[in-house]
Amino acid sequence: MSLLTIFLVLLSTVLHAGWNLLGRKCHATSAFFGRMLTVGLAVGFVPFVVSEVITRSMPPLAWLCVLGSGTCAGLYYFFLGFGYRSGDFTVVYPVARALPVLLVGVADALRGRMPTSMGWLGMLIVVVGCLLTPLHSLRDLTLRRYINRAMLWILLTALGTVGYSLLDKIGSELVLPGPGSAARYAYVFLFVSFFVYQPLHCRFGRTEDDVILIGWFWPAVAAVCTYGSYFLVLWAFQSAGRASYVVAFRQFSIVIGVVTAFALFREKGLVIRLTGTLLITAGLLVIALWGS
């Protein structure tokens, strides 16, 4: 991975951790995600239409990719909302982010882009770090810690991540290269995810208290973060040979999220969770230095 690619992905992790922490602050209800997506669509609609009419940067196959990835993302937001309702942020977020790393690596191998042995090692270290961050101590390292009422939502969230990551890696290679096309693709991605997510939210996730307590300000801030985060990832996908390395590097958001969650929410397990974040960082260094 080039230094530019690494920089883009790491910058995106700051924004990704940011909107997840805002979701934690607002108790991550379905209404929060719905309003977040609504703001993003309303603000970006005119710039997208005008720029795409002028550039025509997305060929038909790229539209198919983004329709599929947006569907996966809409399901991702829906499942993530229920995961946050069912479990602790520092459990749901790291585990949901860990599972896709190796799965996307397998998909890369099937596409003929086999990660190197050091790349696999780095991804494995990242996964181990992700799985340690939910713990309060090593005594908590039991199956019961991971197999609980939130695990179904975590698994479904992870599958959504795998789906949109693979499709968007393909789609990013089909559009005109550059940040402009990545920005337009990201808007369609959020547009489709909204129209998948909103009916599910209206049918299964809406409560009156959600709408009253959340307001619009924090969802609007989260909208900026989530759009910026994925726009940067799509830009990085254009120059990265393997989607799995980008997905692995995105897990640096766990380091940011867990450390910040301790500072803001005073959650327990500082030593073991910091050990997990250090392992994630070490795994990313292995990928960056020896994964090519």
C-alpha atoms as a PDB file:
ATOM      1  CA  MET A   1       0.000   0.000   0.000  1.00  0.00           C
ATOM      2  CA  SER A   2       1.274   3.474  -0.870  1.00  0.00           C
ATOM      3  CA  LEU A   3       1.703   6.205   1.743  1.00  0.00           C
ATOM      4  CA  LEU A   4      -1.213   8.102   0.190  1.00  0.00           C
ATOM      5  CA  THR A   5      -3.484   5.063   0.492  1.00  0.00           C
ATOM      6  CA  ILE A   6      -2.489   4.516   4.119  1.00  0.00           C
ATOM      7  CA  PHE A   7      -3.032   8.208   4.913  1.00  0.00           C
ATOM      8  CA  LEU A   8      -6.489   8.219   3.305  1.00  0.00           C
ATOM      9  CA  VAL A   9      -7.611   5.122   5.198  1.00  0.00           C
ATOM     10  CA  LEU A  10      -6.249   6.319   8.549  1.00  0.00           C
ATOM     11  CA  LEU A  11      -7.948   9.688   8.106  1.00  0.00           C
ATOM     12  CA  SER A  12     -11.183   7.868   7.327  1.00  0.00           C
ATOM     13  CA  THR A  13     -10.841   5.891  10.568  1.00  0.00           C
ATOM     14  CA  VAL A  14     -10.926   9.095  12.595  1.00  0.00           C
ATOM     15  CA  LEU A  15     -14.229  10.063  10.967  1.00  0.00           C
ATOM     16  CA  HIS A  16     -15.604   6.515  11.240  1.00  0.00           C
ATOM     17  CA  ALA A  17     -14.851   6.301  14.956  1.00  0.00           C
ATOM     18  CA  GLY A  18     -16.357   9.764  15.322  1.00  0.00           C
ATOM     19  CA  TRP A  19     -19.793   8.915  14.006  1.00  0.00           C
ATOM     20  CA  ASN A  20     -19.874   5.646  15.944  1.00  0.00           C
ATOM     21  CA  LEU A  21     -19.046   7.516  19.154  1.00  0.00           C
ATOM     22  CA  LEU A  22     -21.812   9.981  18.367  1.00  0.00           C
ATOM     23  CA  GLY A  23     -24.125   7.002  17.955  1.00  0.00           C
ATOM     24  CA  ARG A  24     -22.967   5.777  21.362  1.00  0.00           C
ATOM     25  CA  LYS A  25     -23.612   9.235  22.843  1.00  0.00           C
ATOM     26  CA  CYS A  26     -27.156   9.194  21.420  1.00  0.00           C
ATOM     27  CA  HIS A  27     -27.666   5.552  22.471  1.00  0.00           C
ATOM     28  CA  ALA A  28     -27.328   4.523  18.785  1.00  0.00           C
ATOM     29  CA  THR A  29     -31.020   4.156  18.127  1.00  0.00           C
ATOM     30  CA  SER A  30     -32.458   3.428  14.702  1.00  0.00           C
ATOM     31  CA  ALA A  31     -33.776   6.993  14.553  1.00  0.00           C
ATOM     32  CA  PHE A  32     -30.225   8.331  14.891  1.00  0.00           C
ATOM     33  CA  PHE A  33     -29.030   6.410  11.828  1.00  0.00           C
ATOM     34  CA  GLY A  34     -32.155   7.374   9.890  1.00  0.00           C
ATOM     35  CA  ARG A  35     -31.648  11.080  10.518  1.00  0.00           C
ATOM     36  CA  MET A  36     -27.926  10.794   9.809  1.00  0.00           C
ATOM     37  CA  LEU A  37     -28.625   9.358   6.351  1.00  0.00           C
ATOM     38  CA  THR A  38     -31.441  11.854   5.690  1.00  0.00           C
ATOM     39  CA  VAL A  39     -29.153  14.847   6.271  1.00  0.00           C
ATOM     40  CA  GLY A  40     -26.453  13.412   4.025  1.00  0.00           C
ATOM     41  CA  LEU A  41     -28.866  12.850   1.149  1.00  0.00           C
ATOM     42  CA  ALA A  42     -30.483  16.277   1.398  1.00  0.00           C
ATOM     43  CA  VAL A  43     -27.188  18.191   1.450  1.00  0.00           C
ATOM     44  CA  GLY A  44     -25.477  16.207  -1.304  1.00  0.00           C
ATOM     45  CA  PHE A  45     -28.289  15.771  -3.840  1.00  0.00           C
ATOM     46  CA  VAL A  46     -27.765  18.876  -6.032  1.00  0.00           C
ATOM     47  CA  PRO A  47     -23.934  18.684  -6.093  1.00  0.00           C
ATOM     48  CA  PHE A  48     -24.123  15.007  -7.065  1.00  0.00           C
ATOM     49  CA  VAL A  49     -26.636  15.482  -9.894  1.00  0.00           C
ATOM     50  CA  VAL A  50     -24.818  18.466 -11.399  1.00  0.00           C
ATOM     51  CA  SER A  51     -21.359  16.916 -11.227  1.00  0.00           C
ATOM     52  CA  GLU A  52     -22.463  13.515 -12.549  1.00  0.00           C
ATOM     53  CA  VAL A  53     -24.323  15.077 -15.494  1.00  0.00           C
ATOM     54  CA  ILE A  54     -21.139  16.943 -16.397  1.00  0.00           C
ATOM     55  CA  THR A  55     -18.638  14.120 -15.876  1.00  0.00           C
ATOM     56  CA  ARG A  56     -20.626  10.894 -16.386  1.00  0.00           C
ATOM     57  CA  SER A  57     -17.994   9.196 -14.241  1.00  0.00           C
ATOM     58  CA  MET A  58     -19.984   6.045 -13.401  1.00  0.00           C
ATOM     59  CA  PRO A  59     -20.451   3.379 -16.132  1.00  0.00           C
ATOM     60  CA  PRO A  60     -23.402   0.937 -15.945  1.00  0.00           C
ATOM     61  CA  LEU A  61     -21.456  -1.815 -14.156  1.00  0.00           C
ATOM     62  CA  ALA A  62     -20.369   0.655 -11.474  1.00  0.00           C
ATOM     63  CA  TRP A  63     -24.057   1.519 -10.922  1.00  0.00           C
ATOM     64  CA  LEU A  64     -24.794  -2.173 -10.387  1.00  0.00           C
ATOM     65  CA  CYS A  65     -21.957  -2.423  -7.872  1.00  0.00           C
ATOM     66  CA  VAL A  66     -23.128   0.598  -5.907  1.00  0.00           C
ATOM     67  CA  LEU A  67     -26.747  -0.628  -5.898  1.00  0.00           C
ATOM     68  CA  GLY A  68     -25.561  -3.896  -4.351  1.00  0.00           C
ATOM     69  CA  SER A  69     -23.162  -2.252  -1.906  1.00  0.00           C
ATOM     70  CA  GLY A  70     -25.718   0.361  -0.850  1.00  0.00           C
ATOM     71  CA  THR A  71     -28.171  -2.451  -0.092  1.00  0.00           C
ATOM     72  CA  CYS A  72     -25.545  -4.158   2.079  1.00  0.00           C
ATOM     73  CA  ALA A  73     -24.826  -0.847   3.818  1.00  0.00           C
ATOM     74  CA  GLY A  74     -28.500  -0.210   4.563  1.00  0.00           C
ATOM     75  CA  LEU A  75     -28.698  -3.614   6.223  1.00  0.00           C
ATOM     76  CA  TYR A  76     -25.413  -2.859   8.023  1.00  0.00           C
ATOM     77  CA  TYR A  77     -26.838   0.309   9.619  1.00  0.00           C
ATOM     78  CA  PHE A  78     -30.024  -1.499  10.595  1.00  0.00           C
ATOM     79  CA  PHE A  79     -28.213  -4.426  12.225  1.00  0.00           C
ATOM     80  CA  LEU A  80     -25.651  -2.142  13.882  1.00  0.00           C
ATOM     81  CA  GLY A  81     -28.419  -0.122  15.516  1.00  0.00           C
ATOM     82  CA  PHE A  82     -29.906  -3.261  17.039  1.00  0.00           C
ATOM     83  CA  GLY A  83     -26.436  -4.441  18.059  1.00  0.00           C
ATOM     84  CA  TYR A  84     -25.820  -1.235  20.010  1.00  0.00           C
ATOM     85  CA  ARG A  85     -29.195  -1.627  21.706  1.00  0.00           C
ATOM     86  CA  SER A  86     -28.305  -5.171  22.757  1.00  0.00           C
ATOM     87  CA  GLY A  87     -24.699  -4.769  23.921  1.00  0.00           C
ATOM     88  CA  ASP A  88     -21.865  -2.549  25.102  1.00  0.00           C
ATOM     89  CA  PHE A  89     -20.270  -0.248  22.504  1.00  0.00           C
ATOM     90  CA  THR A  90     -16.811  -1.651  23.301  1.00  0.00           C
ATOM     91  CA  VAL A  91     -18.084  -5.172  22.560  1.00  0.00           C
ATOM     92  CA  VAL A  92     -20.294  -4.612  19.524  1.00  0.00           C
ATOM     93  CA  TYR A  93     -18.019  -2.201  17.655  1.00  0.00           C
ATOM     94  CA  PRO A  94     -14.694  -4.125  17.827  1.00  0.00           C
ATOM     95  CA  VAL A  95     -16.146  -7.575  17.147  1.00  0.00           C
ATOM     96  CA  ALA A  96     -18.301  -6.347  14.258  1.00  0.00           C
ATOM     97  CA  ARG A  97     -15.208  -4.718  12.755  1.00  0.00           C
ATOM     98  CA  ALA A  98     -12.940  -7.745  13.340  1.00  0.00           C
ATOM     99  CA  LEU A  99     -14.932 -10.430  11.561  1.00  0.00           C
ATOM    100  CA  PRO A 100     -14.812  -8.922   8.033  1.00  0.00           C
ATOM    101  CA  VAL A 101     -11.004  -8.614   7.965  1.00  0.00           C
ATOM    102  CA  LEU A 102     -10.193 -12.267   7.246  1.00  0.00           C
ATOM    103  CA  LEU A 103     -13.381 -12.833   5.222  1.00  0.00           C
ATOM    104  CA  VAL A 104     -12.415 -10.077   2.777  1.00  0.00           C
ATOM    105  CA  GLY A 105      -8.900 -11.568   2.685  1.00  0.00           C
ATOM    106  CA  VAL A 106     -10.400 -14.870   1.531  1.00  0.00           C
ATOM    107  CA  ALA A 107     -12.406 -13.007  -1.095  1.00  0.00           C
ATOM    108  CA  ASP A 108      -9.240 -11.282  -2.334  1.00  0.00           C
ATOM    109  CA  ALA A 109      -7.596 -14.697  -2.689  1.00  0.00           C
ATOM    110  CA  LEU A 110     -10.562 -15.964  -4.716  1.00  0.00           C
ATOM    111  CA  ARG A 111     -10.211 -12.934  -7.010  1.00  0.00           C
ATOM    112  CA  GLY A 112      -6.576 -13.842  -7.671  1.00  0.00           C
ATOM    113  CA  ARG A 113      -5.182 -11.131  -5.368  1.00  0.00           C
ATOM    114  CA  MET A 114      -3.792 -13.391  -2.676  1.00  0.00           C
ATOM    115  CA  PRO A 115      -2.450 -11.494   0.359  1.00  0.00           C
ATOM    116  CA  THR A 116       1.187 -12.238   1.169  1.00  0.00           C
ATOM    117  CA  SER A 117       2.109 -14.408   4.154  1.00  0.00           C
ATOM    118  CA  MET A 118       3.036 -11.283   6.128  1.00  0.00           C
ATOM    119  CA  GLY A 119      -0.234  -9.708   5.041  1.00  0.00           C
ATOM    120  CA  TRP A 120      -2.143 -12.671   6.459  1.00  0.00           C
ATOM    121  CA  LEU A 121      -0.112 -12.449   9.667  1.00  0.00           C
ATOM    122  CA  GLY A 122      -0.843  -8.755  10.011  1.00  0.00           C
ATOM    123  CA  MET A 123      -4.572  -9.300   9.472  1.00  0.00           C
ATOM    124  CA  LEU A 124      -4.591 -12.138  12.013  1.00  0.00           C
ATOM    125  CA  ILE A 125      -2.916  -9.898  14.601  1.00  0.00           C
ATOM    126  CA  VAL A 126      -5.530  -7.218  13.892  1.00  0.00           C
ATOM    127  CA  VAL A 127      -8.348  -9.734  14.435  1.00  0.00           C
ATOM    128  CA  VAL A 128      -6.849 -10.939  17.737  1.00  0.00           C
ATOM    129  CA  GLY A 129      -6.571  -7.333  18.891  1.00  0.00           C
ATOM    130  CA  CYS A 130     -10.183  -6.687  17.923  1.00  0.00           C
ATOM    131  CA  LEU A 131     -11.346  -9.716  19.880  1.00  0.00           C
ATOM    132  CA  LEU A 132      -9.428  -8.633  23.007  1.00  0.00           C
ATOM    133  CA  THR A 133     -10.878  -5.131  23.122  1.00  0.00           C
ATOM    134  CA  PRO A 134     -14.320  -6.224  24.425  1.00  0.00           C
ATOM    135  CA  LEU A 135     -12.771  -7.860  27.510  1.00  0.00           C
ATOM    136  CA  HIS A 136     -12.487  -6.429  31.024  1.00  0.00           C
ATOM    137  CA  SER A 137      -9.728  -8.927  31.913  1.00  0.00           C
ATOM    138  CA  LEU A 138      -8.291 -12.227  30.640  1.00  0.00           C
ATOM    139  CA  ARG A 139     -10.727 -14.028  32.947  1.00  0.00           C
ATOM    140  CA  ASP A 140     -13.482 -12.818  30.605  1.00  0.00           C
ATOM    141  CA  LEU A 141     -11.975 -14.772  27.684  1.00  0.00           C
ATOM    142  CA  THR A 142     -14.853 -17.239  27.360  1.00  0.00           C
ATOM    143  CA  LEU A 143     -17.267 -18.165  24.617  1.00  0.00           C
ATOM    144  CA  ARG A 144     -20.075 -16.654  26.652  1.00  0.00           C
ATOM    145  CA  ARG A 145     -18.453 -13.246  26.268  1.00  0.00           C
ATOM    146  CA  TYR A 146     -18.906 -13.456  22.504  1.00  0.00           C
ATOM    147  CA  ILE A 147     -21.966 -15.677  22.193  1.00  0.00           C
ATOM    148  CA  ASN A 148     -24.789 -13.553  23.588  1.00  0.00           C
ATOM    149  CA  ARG A 149     -27.945 -11.771  22.507  1.00  0.00           C
ATOM    150  CA  ALA A 150     -25.957  -9.129  20.616  1.00  0.00           C
ATOM    151  CA  MET A 151     -23.933 -11.676  18.604  1.00  0.00           C
ATOM    152  CA  LEU A 152     -26.595 -12.270  15.946  1.00  0.00           C
ATOM    153  CA  TRP A 153     -26.664  -8.546  15.184  1.00  0.00           C
ATOM    154  CA  ILE A 154     -22.859  -8.419  15.231  1.00  0.00           C
ATOM    155  CA  LEU A 155     -22.611 -11.262  12.700  1.00  0.00           C
ATOM    156  CA  LEU A 156     -25.182  -9.682  10.402  1.00  0.00           C
ATOM    157  CA  THR A 157     -23.421  -6.315  10.687  1.00  0.00           C
ATOM    158  CA  ALA A 158     -20.118  -7.970   9.758  1.00  0.00           C
ATOM    159  CA  LEU A 159     -21.649  -9.661   6.704  1.00  0.00           C
ATOM    160  CA  GLY A 160     -22.991  -6.296   5.582  1.00  0.00           C
ATOM    161  CA  THR A 161     -19.461  -4.882   5.844  1.00  0.00           C
ATOM    162  CA  VAL A 162     -18.035  -7.747   3.775  1.00  0.00           C
ATOM    163  CA  GLY A 163     -20.685  -7.246   1.102  1.00  0.00           C
ATOM    164  CA  TYR A 164     -20.256  -3.531   0.589  1.00  0.00           C
ATOM    165  CA  SER A 165     -16.443  -3.680   0.891  1.00  0.00           C
ATOM    166  CA  LEU A 166     -16.084  -6.243  -1.892  1.00  0.00           C
ATOM    167  CA  LEU A 167     -18.582  -4.594  -4.223  1.00  0.00           C
ATOM    168  CA  ASP A 168     -17.138  -1.140  -3.679  1.00  0.00           C
ATOM    169  CA  LYS A 169     -13.596  -2.336  -4.324  1.00  0.00           C
ATOM    170  CA  ILE A 170     -14.796  -3.537  -7.738  1.00  0.00           C
ATOM    171  CA  GLY A 171     -16.890  -0.420  -8.331  1.00  0.00           C
ATOM    172  CA  SER A 172     -14.041   1.934  -7.404  1.00  0.00           C
ATOM    173  CA  GLU A 173     -11.934   0.374 -10.166  1.00  0.00           C
ATOM    174  CA  LEU A 174     -14.656   0.961 -12.773  1.00  0.00           C
ATOM    175  CA  VAL A 175     -15.259   4.690 -12.256  1.00  0.00           C
ATOM    176  CA  LEU A 176     -12.973   7.452 -13.473  1.00  0.00           C
ATOM    177  CA  PRO A 177      -9.975   7.610 -11.107  1.00  0.00           C
ATOM    178  CA  GLY A 178      -9.750  10.464  -8.644  1.00  0.00           C
ATOM    179  CA  PRO A 179     -11.442  11.942  -5.581  1.00  0.00           C
ATOM    180  CA  GLY A 180     -14.321  13.458  -7.556  1.00  0.00           C
ATOM    181  CA  SER A 181     -15.633  10.127  -8.811  1.00  0.00           C
ATOM    182  CA  ALA A 182     -15.093   8.606  -5.351  1.00  0.00           C
ATOM    183  CA  ALA A 183     -17.192  11.398  -3.833  1.00  0.00           C
ATOM    184  CA  ARG A 184     -20.030  10.832  -6.316  1.00  0.00           C
ATOM    185  CA  TYR A 185     -19.923   7.065  -5.815  1.00  0.00           C
ATOM    186  CA  ALA A 186     -20.049   7.585  -2.031  1.00  0.00           C
ATOM    187  CA  TYR A 187     -23.182   9.712  -2.392  1.00  0.00           C
ATOM    188  CA  VAL A 188     -25.016   7.034  -4.407  1.00  0.00           C
ATOM    189  CA  PHE A 189     -23.831   4.481  -1.852  1.00  0.00           C
ATOM    190  CA  LEU A 190     -25.500   6.455   0.954  1.00  0.00           C
ATOM    191  CA  PHE A 191     -28.554   7.195  -1.201  1.00  0.00           C
ATOM    192  CA  VAL A 192     -29.235   3.504  -1.795  1.00  0.00           C
ATOM    193  CA  SER A 193     -28.464   2.578   1.815  1.00  0.00           C
ATOM    194  CA  PHE A 194     -31.043   5.118   3.024  1.00  0.00           C
ATOM    195  CA  PHE A 195     -33.842   3.645   0.915  1.00  0.00           C
ATOM    196  CA  VAL A 196     -32.969   0.159   2.135  1.00  0.00           C
ATOM    197  CA  TYR A 197     -32.609   1.232   5.759  1.00  0.00           C
ATOM    198  CA  GLN A 198     -35.601   3.550   6.139  1.00  0.00           C
ATOM    199  CA  PRO A 199     -38.410   0.991   5.541  1.00  0.00           C
ATOM    200  CA  LEU A 200     -36.738  -1.386   7.989  1.00  0.00           C
ATOM    201  CA  HIS A 201     -36.409   1.396  10.525  1.00  0.00           C
ATOM    202  CA  CYS A 202     -40.045   2.442  10.116  1.00  0.00           C
ATOM    203  CA  ARG A 203     -41.267  -1.134  10.452  1.00  0.00           C
ATOM    204  CA  PHE A 204     -39.025  -2.473  13.215  1.00  0.00           C
ATOM    205  CA  GLY A 205     -36.886   0.223  14.786  1.00  0.00           C
ATOM    206  CA  ARG A 206     -38.868   3.395  15.373  1.00  0.00           C
ATOM    207  CA  THR A 207     -39.954   4.608  18.793  1.00  0.00           C
ATOM    208  CA  GLU A 208     -41.393   8.004  19.736  1.00  0.00           C
ATOM    209  CA  ASP A 209     -38.712   8.573  22.386  1.00  0.00           C
ATOM    210  CA  ASP A 210     -35.963   8.139  19.770  1.00  0.00           C
ATOM    211  CA  VAL A 211     -37.190  11.077  17.726  1.00  0.00           C
ATOM    212  CA  ILE A 212     -37.827  13.310  20.739  1.00  0.00           C
ATOM    213  CA  LEU A 213     -34.440  12.788  22.406  1.00  0.00           C
ATOM    214  CA  ILE A 214     -32.093  12.734  19.422  1.00  0.00           C
ATOM    215  CA  GLY A 215     -32.890  15.931  17.550  1.00  0.00           C
ATOM    216  CA  TRP A 216     -31.040  16.793  14.346  1.00  0.00           C
ATOM    217  CA  PHE A 217     -27.706  18.336  15.335  1.00  0.00           C
ATOM    218  CA  TRP A 218     -25.722  15.211  16.249  1.00  0.00           C
ATOM    219  CA  PRO A 219     -27.106  13.167  13.344  1.00  0.00           C
ATOM    220  CA  ALA A 220     -26.025  16.025  11.045  1.00  0.00           C
ATOM    221  CA  VAL A 221     -22.483  15.940  12.455  1.00  0.00           C
ATOM    222  CA  ALA A 222     -22.473  12.157  12.070  1.00  0.00           C
ATOM    223  CA  ALA A 223     -23.628  12.525   8.453  1.00  0.00           C
ATOM    224  CA  VAL A 224     -20.532  14.591   7.651  1.00  0.00           C
ATOM    225  CA  CYS A 225     -18.331  12.014   9.366  1.00  0.00           C
ATOM    226  CA  THR A 226     -19.848   8.948   7.704  1.00  0.00           C
ATOM    227  CA  TYR A 227     -19.808  10.489   4.224  1.00  0.00           C
ATOM    228  CA  GLY A 228     -16.236  11.737   4.602  1.00  0.00           C
ATOM    229  CA  SER A 229     -15.125   8.390   5.993  1.00  0.00           C
ATOM    230  CA  TYR A 230     -16.423   6.314   3.114  1.00  0.00           C
ATOM    231  CA  PHE A 231     -15.456   8.809   0.425  1.00  0.00           C
ATOM    232  CA  LEU A 232     -11.846   8.509   1.631  1.00  0.00           C
ATOM    233  CA  VAL A 233     -12.053   4.698   1.659  1.00  0.00           C
ATOM    234  CA  LEU A 234     -13.354   4.632  -1.922  1.00  0.00           C
ATOM    235  CA  TRP A 235     -10.523   6.915  -2.985  1.00  0.00           C
ATOM    236  CA  ALA A 236      -8.081   4.558  -1.262  1.00  0.00           C
ATOM    237  CA  PHE A 237      -9.659   1.524  -2.968  1.00  0.00           C
ATOM    238  CA  GLN A 238      -8.690   3.016  -6.338  1.00  0.00           C
ATOM    239  CA  SER A 239      -4.984   2.721  -5.558  1.00  0.00           C
ATOM    240  CA  ALA A 240      -4.951  -0.343  -3.286  1.00  0.00           C
ATOM    241  CA  GLY A 241      -4.376  -3.741  -4.863  1.00  0.00           C
ATOM    242  CA  ARG A 242      -6.186  -5.701  -2.144  1.00  0.00           C
ATOM    243  CA  ALA A 243      -9.467  -4.790  -0.482  1.00  0.00           C
ATOM    244  CA  SER A 244      -8.511  -6.836   2.589  1.00  0.00           C
ATOM    245  CA  TYR A 245      -5.611  -4.521   3.453  1.00  0.00           C
ATOM    246  CA  VAL A 246      -7.865  -1.477   3.300  1.00  0.00           C
ATOM    247  CA  VAL A 247     -10.474  -3.237   5.463  1.00  0.00           C
ATOM    248  CA  ALA A 248      -7.740  -4.184   7.943  1.00  0.00           C
ATOM    249  CA  PHE A 249      -6.437  -0.622   8.126  1.00  0.00           C
ATOM    250  CA  ARG A 250      -9.948   0.652   8.755  1.00  0.00           C
ATOM    251  CA  GLN A 251      -9.823  -1.197  12.067  1.00  0.00           C
ATOM    252  CA  PHE A 252      -7.562   1.523  13.434  1.00  0.00           C
ATOM    253  CA  SER A 253     -10.895   3.208  14.133  1.00  0.00           C
ATOM    254  CA  ILE A 254     -11.240   0.669  16.963  1.00  0.00           C
ATOM    255  CA  VAL A 255      -8.084   2.054  18.564  1.00  0.00           C
ATOM    256  CA  ILE A 256      -9.533   5.557  18.365  1.00  0.00           C
ATOM    257  CA  GLY A 257     -13.016   4.487  19.403  1.00  0.00           C
ATOM    258  CA  VAL A 258     -11.999   2.372  22.392  1.00  0.00           C
ATOM    259  CA  VAL A 259      -9.510   4.907  23.788  1.00  0.00           C
ATOM    260  CA  THR A 260     -12.004   7.747  23.356  1.00  0.00           C
ATOM    261  CA  ALA A 261     -14.823   5.679  24.851  1.00  0.00           C
ATOM    262  CA  PHE A 262     -12.720   5.168  27.977  1.00  0.00           C
ATOM    263  CA  ALA A 263     -12.078   8.881  28.238  1.00  0.00           C
ATOM    264  CA  LEU A 264     -15.721   9.860  27.694  1.00  0.00           C
ATOM    265  CA  PHE A 265     -17.714   6.976  29.198  1.00  0.00           C
ATOM    266  CA  ARG A 266     -15.283   5.637  31.867  1.00  0.00           C
ATOM    267  CA  GLU A 267     -15.736   2.018  30.809  1.00  0.00           C
ATOM    268  CA  LYS A 268     -13.854  -0.808  32.517  1.00  0.00           C
ATOM    269  CA  GLY A 269     -10.989  -3.038  31.375  1.00  0.00           C
ATOM    270  CA  LEU A 270      -8.385  -0.403  30.509  1.00  0.00           C
ATOM    271  CA  VAL A 271      -5.316  -2.701  30.503  1.00  0.00           C
ATOM    272  CA  ILE A 272      -6.670  -5.569  28.412  1.00  0.00           C
ATOM    273  CA  ARG A 273      -8.404  -3.284  25.957  1.00  0.00           C
ATOM    274  CA  LEU A 274      -5.342  -1.133  25.476  1.00  0.00           C
ATOM    275  CA  THR A 275      -3.415  -4.368  24.851  1.00  0.00           C
ATOM    276  CA  GLY A 276      -5.936  -5.152  22.129  1.00  0.00           C
ATOM    277  CA  THR A 277      -5.519  -1.739  20.545  1.00  0.00           C
ATOM    278  CA  LEU A 278      -1.726  -2.119  20.580  1.00  0.00           C
ATOM    279  CA  LEU A 279      -2.073  -5.467  18.787  1.00  0.00           C
ATOM    280  CA  ILE A 280      -4.284  -3.839  16.150  1.00  0.00           C
ATOM    281  CA  THR A 281      -1.639  -1.154  15.654  1.00  0.00           C
ATOM    282  CA  ALA A 282       1.129  -3.777  15.429  1.00  0.00           C
ATOM    283  CA  GLY A 283      -0.827  -5.790  12.866  1.00  0.00           C
ATOM    284  CA  LEU A 284      -1.330  -2.693  10.727  1.00  0.00           C
ATOM    285  CA  LEU A 285       2.400  -1.944  10.848  1.00  0.00           C
ATOM    286  CA  VAL A 286       3.135  -5.494   9.647  1.00  0.00           C
ATOM    287  CA  ILE A 287       0.767  -5.005   6.701  1.00  0.00           C
ATOM    288  CA  ALA A 288       2.169  -1.550   5.873  1.00  0.00           C
ATOM    289  CA  LEU A 289       5.839  -2.559   6.058  1.00  0.00           C
ATOM    290  CA  TRP A 290       5.837  -6.152   4.786  1.00  0.00           C
ATOM    291  CA  GLY A 291       2.392  -6.864   3.297  1.00  0.00           C
ATOM    292  CA  SER A 292       3.166  -5.886  -0.303  1.00  0.00           C
END
